[in-house]
Amino acid sequence: MFLRSSRRQPNQDKQKHSAKAQPSLRLNNPSGILLKRKNLAKEGRHRLKPRYHLILTWDIRPGQEQKYSEFINNRLAPGLVEIGLPPSDVFYTTYGAAPQIMVILDVPNQATLKKAIHSERFAKLKQALMELIDNYDQRLIEAKTGSYF
């Protein structure tokens, strides 16, 4: 369903088109969408596509689920965002011979990755995570459209 803006005829009454009258919105207005994108870019909220993905995989230690959940929500996820590696996807394996958790982190460039990986904050987060998990692995891949699998 598309809404169209009403058009005025030149000879119509001016009273019908007072300041209170609201024209209909036009949903299929490509220039409105373009303007919105430009505004987001100017405000710094436009998200650039990552060049790489850092894939982290692990298994949660039995009996550590509650501590693990609290750590992930309160420390790890906010910490990764702070150091410049925001999580884009998280997968939980319920059945099969695969790592239980797979986290995909967006990496804009190699300089950001080096800075983040070698930071004291990342080392502390990783050390705390290692107390709650087994079989940790990490790998870097180029960001491409499509599946991770």
N, C-alpha and C. Protein backbone atom coordinates (compact mmCIF):
# COMPACT_ATOMS: atom_id res chain seq x y z
N MET A 1 0.84 -1.17 0.00
CA MET A 1 0.00 0.00 0.00
C MET A 1 0.88 1.24 0.00
N PHE A 2 0.69 2.09 -0.96
CA PHE A 2 1.47 3.31 -1.05
C PHE A 2 0.58 4.51 -0.79
N LEU A 3 1.07 5.44 -0.01
CA LEU A 3 0.34 6.68 0.23
C LEU A 3 0.94 7.75 -0.65
N ARG A 4 0.12 8.54 -1.22
CA ARG A 4 0.62 9.60 -2.09
C ARG A 4 0.28 10.95 -1.48
N SER A 5 1.13 11.91 -1.72
CA SER A 5 0.84 13.26 -1.21
C SER A 5 -0.24 13.89 -2.09
N SER A 6 -1.08 14.67 -1.46
CA SER A 6 -2.15 15.32 -2.22
C SER A 6 -1.58 16.51 -2.99
N ARG A 7 -2.10 16.73 -4.17
CA ARG A 7 -1.64 17.86 -4.99
C ARG A 7 -2.73 18.92 -5.00
N ARG A 8 -2.33 20.14 -4.89
CA ARG A 8 -3.28 21.25 -4.90
C ARG A 8 -3.52 21.74 -6.32
N GLN A 9 -4.72 22.10 -6.57
CA GLN A 9 -5.04 22.75 -7.84
C GLN A 9 -4.84 24.24 -7.64
N PRO A 10 -4.34 24.96 -8.63
CA PRO A 10 -4.06 26.39 -8.46
C PRO A 10 -5.28 27.21 -8.08
N ASN A 11 -6.46 26.80 -8.48
CA ASN A 11 -7.65 27.60 -8.21
C ASN A 11 -8.40 27.15 -6.95
N GLN A 12 -7.82 26.27 -6.14
CA GLN A 12 -8.50 25.81 -4.94
C GLN A 12 -8.51 26.89 -3.87
N ASP A 13 -9.44 26.76 -2.97
CA ASP A 13 -9.60 27.69 -1.86
C ASP A 13 -8.37 27.64 -0.96
N LYS A 14 -7.85 28.78 -0.54
CA LYS A 14 -6.70 28.81 0.35
C LYS A 14 -7.08 28.35 1.75
N GLN A 15 -8.35 28.48 2.13
CA GLN A 15 -8.78 28.06 3.46
C GLN A 15 -8.69 26.55 3.62
N LYS A 16 -8.86 25.81 2.57
CA LYS A 16 -8.77 24.35 2.65
C LYS A 16 -7.36 23.90 2.99
N HIS A 17 -6.37 24.72 2.67
CA HIS A 17 -4.98 24.35 2.87
C HIS A 17 -4.35 25.24 3.93
N SER A 18 -4.92 25.24 5.09
CA SER A 18 -4.37 26.04 6.19
C SER A 18 -3.11 25.37 6.72
N ALA A 19 -2.45 26.05 7.64
CA ALA A 19 -1.21 25.52 8.22
C ALA A 19 -1.46 24.23 8.99
N LYS A 20 -2.68 24.02 9.45
CA LYS A 20 -3.00 22.82 10.22
C LYS A 20 -3.16 21.59 9.34
N ALA A 21 -3.43 21.77 8.08
CA ALA A 21 -3.64 20.63 7.18
C ALA A 21 -2.32 19.90 6.98
N GLN A 22 -2.35 18.58 7.09
CA GLN A 22 -1.15 17.76 6.93
C GLN A 22 -1.26 16.96 5.64
N PRO A 23 -0.33 17.14 4.69
CA PRO A 23 -0.38 16.30 3.50
C PRO A 23 -0.02 14.86 3.85
N SER A 24 -0.50 13.92 3.07
CA SER A 24 -0.18 12.51 3.31
C SER A 24 1.30 12.28 3.10
N LEU A 25 1.82 11.28 3.79
CA LEU A 25 3.22 10.91 3.61
C LEU A 25 3.37 10.09 2.34
N ARG A 26 4.51 10.17 1.76
CA ARG A 26 4.77 9.38 0.56
C ARG A 26 5.83 8.35 0.92
N LEU A 27 5.43 7.10 1.04
CA LEU A 27 6.33 6.05 1.50
C LEU A 27 7.36 5.64 0.47
N ASN A 28 7.05 5.78 -0.79
CA ASN A 28 7.98 5.34 -1.83
C ASN A 28 8.83 6.50 -2.35
N ASN A 29 9.26 7.37 -1.47
CA ASN A 29 10.05 8.53 -1.86
C ASN A 29 11.54 8.21 -1.71
N PRO A 30 12.22 7.89 -2.80
CA PRO A 30 13.63 7.53 -2.68
C PRO A 30 14.49 8.69 -2.19
N SER A 31 14.13 9.92 -2.50
CA SER A 31 14.96 11.03 -2.02
C SER A 31 14.87 11.16 -0.51
N GLY A 32 13.73 10.83 0.09
CA GLY A 32 13.60 10.85 1.54
C GLY A 32 14.51 9.82 2.19
N ILE A 33 14.62 8.65 1.57
CA ILE A 33 15.50 7.61 2.09
C ILE A 33 16.95 8.06 1.98
N LEU A 34 17.32 8.64 0.85
CA LEU A 34 18.67 9.11 0.64
C LEU A 34 19.04 10.19 1.65
N LEU A 35 18.11 11.11 1.90
CA LEU A 35 18.35 12.15 2.89
C LEU A 35 18.58 11.55 4.26
N LYS A 36 17.82 10.54 4.60
CA LYS A 36 17.97 9.90 5.89
C LYS A 36 19.35 9.26 6.01
N ARG A 37 19.81 8.62 4.97
CA ARG A 37 21.15 8.03 4.99
C ARG A 37 22.22 9.09 5.16
N LYS A 38 22.08 10.19 4.46
CA LYS A 38 23.06 11.27 4.59
C LYS A 38 23.09 11.80 6.00
N ASN A 39 21.92 11.97 6.62
CA ASN A 39 21.87 12.47 7.98
C ASN A 39 22.53 11.50 8.95
N LEU A 40 22.32 10.20 8.77
CA LEU A 40 22.95 9.23 9.64
C LEU A 40 24.46 9.29 9.50
N ALA A 41 24.95 9.46 8.28
CA ALA A 41 26.39 9.54 8.07
C ALA A 41 26.96 10.78 8.73
N LYS A 42 26.25 11.91 8.65
CA LYS A 42 26.72 13.14 9.26
C LYS A 42 26.75 13.04 10.78
N GLU A 43 25.79 12.32 11.35
CA GLU A 43 25.72 12.19 12.79
C GLU A 43 26.68 11.14 13.32
N GLY A 44 27.36 10.42 12.45
CA GLY A 44 28.31 9.42 12.89
C GLY A 44 27.68 8.10 13.28
N ARG A 45 26.42 7.91 12.97
CA ARG A 45 25.76 6.66 13.33
C ARG A 45 25.69 5.69 12.16
N HIS A 46 26.18 6.08 11.00
CA HIS A 46 26.14 5.20 9.84
C HIS A 46 27.22 4.14 10.03
N ARG A 47 26.83 2.89 10.00
CA ARG A 47 27.75 1.80 10.27
C ARG A 47 28.47 1.39 8.99
N LEU A 48 29.79 1.42 9.02
CA LEU A 48 30.57 1.01 7.87
C LEU A 48 30.68 -0.51 7.86
N LYS A 49 30.81 -1.08 6.68
CA LYS A 49 30.95 -2.52 6.58
C LYS A 49 32.34 -2.92 7.08
N PRO A 50 32.41 -3.99 7.88
CA PRO A 50 33.72 -4.42 8.37
C PRO A 50 34.52 -5.07 7.24
N ARG A 51 35.84 -4.96 7.34
CA ARG A 51 36.71 -5.59 6.35
C ARG A 51 37.03 -7.03 6.73
N TYR A 52 36.98 -7.31 8.05
CA TYR A 52 37.31 -8.64 8.56
C TYR A 52 36.31 -9.04 9.64
N HIS A 53 36.28 -10.35 9.91
CA HIS A 53 35.53 -10.88 11.05
C HIS A 53 36.50 -11.71 11.88
N LEU A 54 36.49 -11.48 13.17
CA LEU A 54 37.24 -12.32 14.10
C LEU A 54 36.24 -13.31 14.67
N ILE A 55 36.49 -14.59 14.41
CA ILE A 55 35.57 -15.64 14.86
C ILE A 55 36.17 -16.30 16.10
N LEU A 56 35.42 -16.25 17.19
CA LEU A 56 35.82 -16.87 18.45
C LEU A 56 34.88 -18.05 18.71
N THR A 57 35.44 -19.21 19.06
CA THR A 57 34.62 -20.38 19.38
C THR A 57 35.07 -20.97 20.70
N TRP A 58 34.12 -21.59 21.42
CA TRP A 58 34.44 -22.25 22.68
C TRP A 58 33.27 -23.10 23.15
N ASP A 59 33.54 -23.87 24.21
CA ASP A 59 32.52 -24.65 24.90
C ASP A 59 32.43 -24.15 26.34
N ILE A 60 31.22 -24.03 26.86
CA ILE A 60 31.03 -23.60 28.24
C ILE A 60 31.31 -24.79 29.16
N ARG A 61 32.08 -24.57 30.21
CA ARG A 61 32.36 -25.64 31.16
C ARG A 61 31.08 -26.05 31.89
N PRO A 62 30.88 -27.35 32.06
CA PRO A 62 29.70 -27.81 32.80
C PRO A 62 29.68 -27.22 34.22
N GLY A 63 28.52 -26.76 34.65
CA GLY A 63 28.37 -26.19 35.98
C GLY A 63 28.70 -24.71 36.06
N GLN A 64 29.19 -24.12 34.97
CA GLN A 64 29.57 -22.70 34.96
C GLN A 64 28.59 -21.83 34.18
N GLU A 65 27.45 -22.36 33.82
CA GLU A 65 26.51 -21.66 32.94
C GLU A 65 26.04 -20.32 33.50
N GLN A 66 25.70 -20.29 34.81
CA GLN A 66 25.20 -19.06 35.41
C GLN A 66 26.29 -17.98 35.45
N LYS A 67 27.49 -18.34 35.92
CA LYS A 67 28.61 -17.38 35.96
C LYS A 67 28.96 -16.92 34.54
N TYR A 68 28.94 -17.87 33.60
CA TYR A 68 29.25 -17.56 32.21
C TYR A 68 28.27 -16.53 31.66
N SER A 69 26.99 -16.77 31.87
CA SER A 69 25.96 -15.87 31.35
C SER A 69 26.11 -14.46 31.92
N GLU A 70 26.36 -14.36 33.21
CA GLU A 70 26.57 -13.04 33.84
C GLU A 70 27.81 -12.36 33.29
N PHE A 71 28.88 -13.13 33.11
CA PHE A 71 30.13 -12.56 32.59
C PHE A 71 29.94 -12.03 31.16
N ILE A 72 29.29 -12.80 30.33
CA ILE A 72 29.08 -12.40 28.93
C ILE A 72 28.28 -11.11 28.86
N ASN A 73 27.17 -11.06 29.59
CA ASN A 73 26.28 -9.90 29.51
C ASN A 73 26.83 -8.66 30.19
N ASN A 74 27.54 -8.83 31.30
CA ASN A 74 27.98 -7.67 32.08
C ASN A 74 29.40 -7.21 31.79
N ARG A 75 30.26 -8.11 31.30
CA ARG A 75 31.65 -7.72 31.11
C ARG A 75 32.17 -7.92 29.69
N LEU A 76 31.98 -9.11 29.13
CA LEU A 76 32.61 -9.39 27.84
C LEU A 76 32.01 -8.57 26.70
N ALA A 77 30.71 -8.62 26.52
CA ALA A 77 30.09 -7.89 25.40
C ALA A 77 30.36 -6.39 25.47
N PRO A 78 30.15 -5.73 26.62
CA PRO A 78 30.47 -4.29 26.68
C PRO A 78 31.96 -4.02 26.50
N GLY A 79 32.80 -4.91 27.01
CA GLY A 79 34.25 -4.74 26.88
C GLY A 79 34.72 -4.82 25.44
N LEU A 80 34.16 -5.75 24.67
CA LEU A 80 34.52 -5.88 23.26
C LEU A 80 34.11 -4.64 22.47
N VAL A 81 32.96 -4.09 22.79
CA VAL A 81 32.52 -2.86 22.12
C VAL A 81 33.46 -1.71 22.46
N GLU A 82 33.88 -1.61 23.71
CA GLU A 82 34.79 -0.54 24.14
C GLU A 82 36.13 -0.59 23.42
N ILE A 83 36.65 -1.78 23.16
CA ILE A 83 37.96 -1.87 22.51
C ILE A 83 37.87 -1.85 20.98
N GLY A 84 36.66 -1.71 20.45
CA GLY A 84 36.51 -1.54 19.01
C GLY A 84 36.20 -2.80 18.23
N LEU A 85 35.79 -3.88 18.92
CA LEU A 85 35.44 -5.13 18.25
C LEU A 85 34.01 -5.52 18.61
N PRO A 86 33.02 -4.83 18.07
CA PRO A 86 31.64 -5.13 18.44
C PRO A 86 31.18 -6.48 17.89
N PRO A 87 30.48 -7.27 18.69
CA PRO A 87 29.94 -8.54 18.19
C PRO A 87 28.84 -8.28 17.17
N SER A 88 28.88 -9.00 16.06
CA SER A 88 27.82 -8.86 15.07
C SER A 88 26.87 -10.05 15.09
N ASP A 89 27.38 -11.23 15.42
CA ASP A 89 26.56 -12.45 15.49
C ASP A 89 27.07 -13.35 16.61
N VAL A 90 26.14 -14.08 17.20
CA VAL A 90 26.48 -15.09 18.20
C VAL A 90 25.65 -16.33 17.88
N PHE A 91 26.31 -17.49 17.83
CA PHE A 91 25.63 -18.74 17.52
C PHE A 91 25.81 -19.71 18.69
N TYR A 92 24.76 -20.43 19.02
CA TYR A 92 24.78 -21.44 20.08
C TYR A 92 24.44 -22.78 19.44
N THR A 93 25.34 -23.76 19.59
CA THR A 93 25.12 -25.09 19.01
C THR A 93 24.36 -25.94 20.02
N THR A 94 23.22 -26.44 19.63
CA THR A 94 22.42 -27.27 20.54
C THR A 94 22.63 -28.76 20.29
N TYR A 95 23.09 -29.12 19.09
CA TYR A 95 23.26 -30.53 18.77
C TYR A 95 24.37 -30.67 17.75
N GLY A 96 25.23 -31.67 17.95
CA GLY A 96 26.27 -31.95 16.97
C GLY A 96 27.67 -31.75 17.52
N ALA A 97 28.64 -32.14 16.72
CA ALA A 97 30.04 -32.07 17.12
C ALA A 97 30.67 -30.78 16.62
N ALA A 98 30.25 -29.68 17.19
CA ALA A 98 30.77 -28.36 16.82
C ALA A 98 30.96 -27.57 18.12
N PRO A 99 31.75 -26.51 18.08
CA PRO A 99 31.87 -25.69 19.28
C PRO A 99 30.49 -25.20 19.75
N GLN A 100 30.31 -25.15 21.06
CA GLN A 100 29.02 -24.77 21.62
C GLN A 100 28.67 -23.31 21.32
N ILE A 101 29.67 -22.42 21.35
CA ILE A 101 29.46 -21.00 21.13
C ILE A 101 30.37 -20.53 19.99
N MET A 102 29.81 -19.71 19.10
CA MET A 102 30.60 -19.05 18.07
C MET A 102 30.19 -17.58 18.06
N VAL A 103 31.18 -16.71 18.26
CA VAL A 103 30.95 -15.27 18.30
C VAL A 103 31.68 -14.65 17.11
N ILE A 104 30.98 -13.81 16.36
CA ILE A 104 31.56 -13.11 15.21
C ILE A 104 31.74 -11.65 15.60
N LEU A 105 32.98 -11.17 15.56
CA LEU A 105 33.28 -9.78 15.89
C LEU A 105 33.60 -9.01 14.61
N ASP A 106 33.07 -7.81 14.48
CA ASP A 106 33.37 -6.94 13.34
C ASP A 106 34.72 -6.28 13.55
N VAL A 107 35.57 -6.36 12.53
CA VAL A 107 36.90 -5.75 12.58
C VAL A 107 37.02 -4.80 11.39
N PRO A 108 37.08 -3.48 11.63
CA PRO A 108 37.13 -2.54 10.51
C PRO A 108 38.44 -2.58 9.74
N ASN A 109 39.57 -2.84 10.43
CA ASN A 109 40.87 -2.89 9.76
C ASN A 109 41.88 -3.61 10.65
N GLN A 110 43.05 -3.91 10.10
CA GLN A 110 44.06 -4.67 10.85
C GLN A 110 44.65 -3.86 12.00
N ALA A 111 44.74 -2.55 11.83
CA ALA A 111 45.28 -1.70 12.90
C ALA A 111 44.39 -1.76 14.14
N THR A 112 43.10 -1.71 13.95
CA THR A 112 42.16 -1.81 15.07
C THR A 112 42.27 -3.17 15.73
N LEU A 113 42.41 -4.21 14.92
CA LEU A 113 42.54 -5.56 15.46
C LEU A 113 43.80 -5.69 16.32
N LYS A 114 44.94 -5.23 15.79
CA LYS A 114 46.19 -5.31 16.56
C LYS A 114 46.09 -4.55 17.87
N LYS A 115 45.55 -3.35 17.79
CA LYS A 115 45.42 -2.53 19.00
C LYS A 115 44.52 -3.21 20.03
N ALA A 116 43.41 -3.77 19.57
CA ALA A 116 42.46 -4.42 20.48
C ALA A 116 43.03 -5.70 21.08
N ILE A 117 43.60 -6.55 20.25
CA ILE A 117 44.11 -7.85 20.71
C ILE A 117 45.27 -7.68 21.69
N HIS A 118 46.08 -6.67 21.49
CA HIS A 118 47.24 -6.45 22.36
C HIS A 118 46.94 -5.53 23.54
N SER A 119 45.69 -5.14 23.69
CA SER A 119 45.34 -4.24 24.80
C SER A 119 45.24 -5.02 26.11
N GLU A 120 45.47 -4.31 27.19
CA GLU A 120 45.37 -4.91 28.52
C GLU A 120 43.92 -5.34 28.81
N ARG A 121 42.98 -4.55 28.32
CA ARG A 121 41.55 -4.84 28.53
C ARG A 121 41.18 -6.18 27.90
N PHE A 122 41.63 -6.43 26.67
CA PHE A 122 41.32 -7.69 26.00
C PHE A 122 41.96 -8.86 26.74
N ALA A 123 43.20 -8.68 27.21
CA ALA A 123 43.89 -9.74 27.94
C ALA A 123 43.13 -10.12 29.21
N LYS A 124 42.64 -9.11 29.93
CA LYS A 124 41.88 -9.39 31.16
C LYS A 124 40.55 -10.07 30.86
N LEU A 125 39.87 -9.62 29.82
CA LEU A 125 38.61 -10.24 29.44
C LEU A 125 38.81 -11.70 29.02
N LYS A 126 39.86 -11.94 28.24
CA LYS A 126 40.14 -13.30 27.77
C LYS A 126 40.51 -14.20 28.94
N GLN A 127 41.31 -13.69 29.87
CA GLN A 127 41.71 -14.47 31.04
C GLN A 127 40.49 -14.86 31.88
N ALA A 128 39.58 -13.91 32.10
CA ALA A 128 38.36 -14.20 32.86
C ALA A 128 37.46 -15.19 32.11
N LEU A 129 37.40 -15.06 30.80
CA LEU A 129 36.61 -15.98 29.98
C LEU A 129 37.16 -17.39 30.06
N MET A 130 38.49 -17.53 30.04
CA MET A 130 39.13 -18.85 30.06
C MET A 130 38.80 -19.64 31.32
N GLU A 131 38.45 -18.97 32.40
CA GLU A 131 38.08 -19.66 33.64
C GLU A 131 36.71 -20.32 33.53
N LEU A 132 35.92 -19.93 32.54
CA LEU A 132 34.55 -20.41 32.40
C LEU A 132 34.34 -21.32 31.20
N ILE A 133 35.35 -21.43 30.33
CA ILE A 133 35.18 -22.17 29.07
C ILE A 133 36.31 -23.16 28.82
N ASP A 134 36.12 -24.02 27.83
CA ASP A 134 37.13 -24.94 27.31
C ASP A 134 37.16 -24.82 25.79
N ASN A 135 38.23 -25.33 25.19
CA ASN A 135 38.35 -25.44 23.73
C ASN A 135 38.22 -24.10 23.01
N TYR A 136 38.90 -23.07 23.52
CA TYR A 136 38.87 -21.74 22.91
C TYR A 136 39.66 -21.75 21.61
N ASP A 137 39.12 -21.09 20.60
CA ASP A 137 39.83 -20.94 19.32
C ASP A 137 39.42 -19.60 18.72
N GLN A 138 40.33 -19.00 17.97
CA GLN A 138 40.01 -17.76 17.27
C GLN A 138 40.64 -17.78 15.90
N ARG A 139 39.95 -17.17 14.94
CA ARG A 139 40.51 -17.05 13.60
C ARG A 139 39.96 -15.80 12.94
N LEU A 140 40.73 -15.26 12.03
CA LEU A 140 40.37 -14.04 11.31
C LEU A 140 40.05 -14.40 9.87
N ILE A 141 38.92 -13.89 9.38
CA ILE A 141 38.54 -14.10 7.98
C ILE A 141 38.18 -12.76 7.36
N GLU A 142 38.25 -12.70 6.04
CA GLU A 142 37.78 -11.51 5.34
C GLU A 142 36.26 -11.47 5.38
N ALA A 143 35.73 -10.28 5.57
CA ALA A 143 34.27 -10.12 5.61
C ALA A 143 33.73 -10.18 4.19
N LYS A 144 32.88 -11.12 3.94
CA LYS A 144 32.22 -11.26 2.64
C LYS A 144 30.75 -11.48 2.90
N THR A 145 29.95 -11.20 1.91
CA THR A 145 28.53 -11.49 2.07
C THR A 145 28.33 -12.99 1.96
N GLY A 146 27.35 -13.49 2.65
CA GLY A 146 27.05 -14.90 2.60
C GLY A 146 27.20 -15.54 3.96
N SER A 147 27.34 -16.84 3.96
CA SER A 147 27.36 -17.62 5.19
C SER A 147 28.77 -17.75 5.75
N TYR A 148 28.86 -17.96 7.05
CA TYR A 148 30.15 -18.22 7.70
C TYR A 148 30.55 -19.68 7.57
N PHE A 149 29.62 -20.51 7.17
CA PHE A 149 29.86 -21.95 7.19
C PHE A 149 30.32 -22.48 5.87
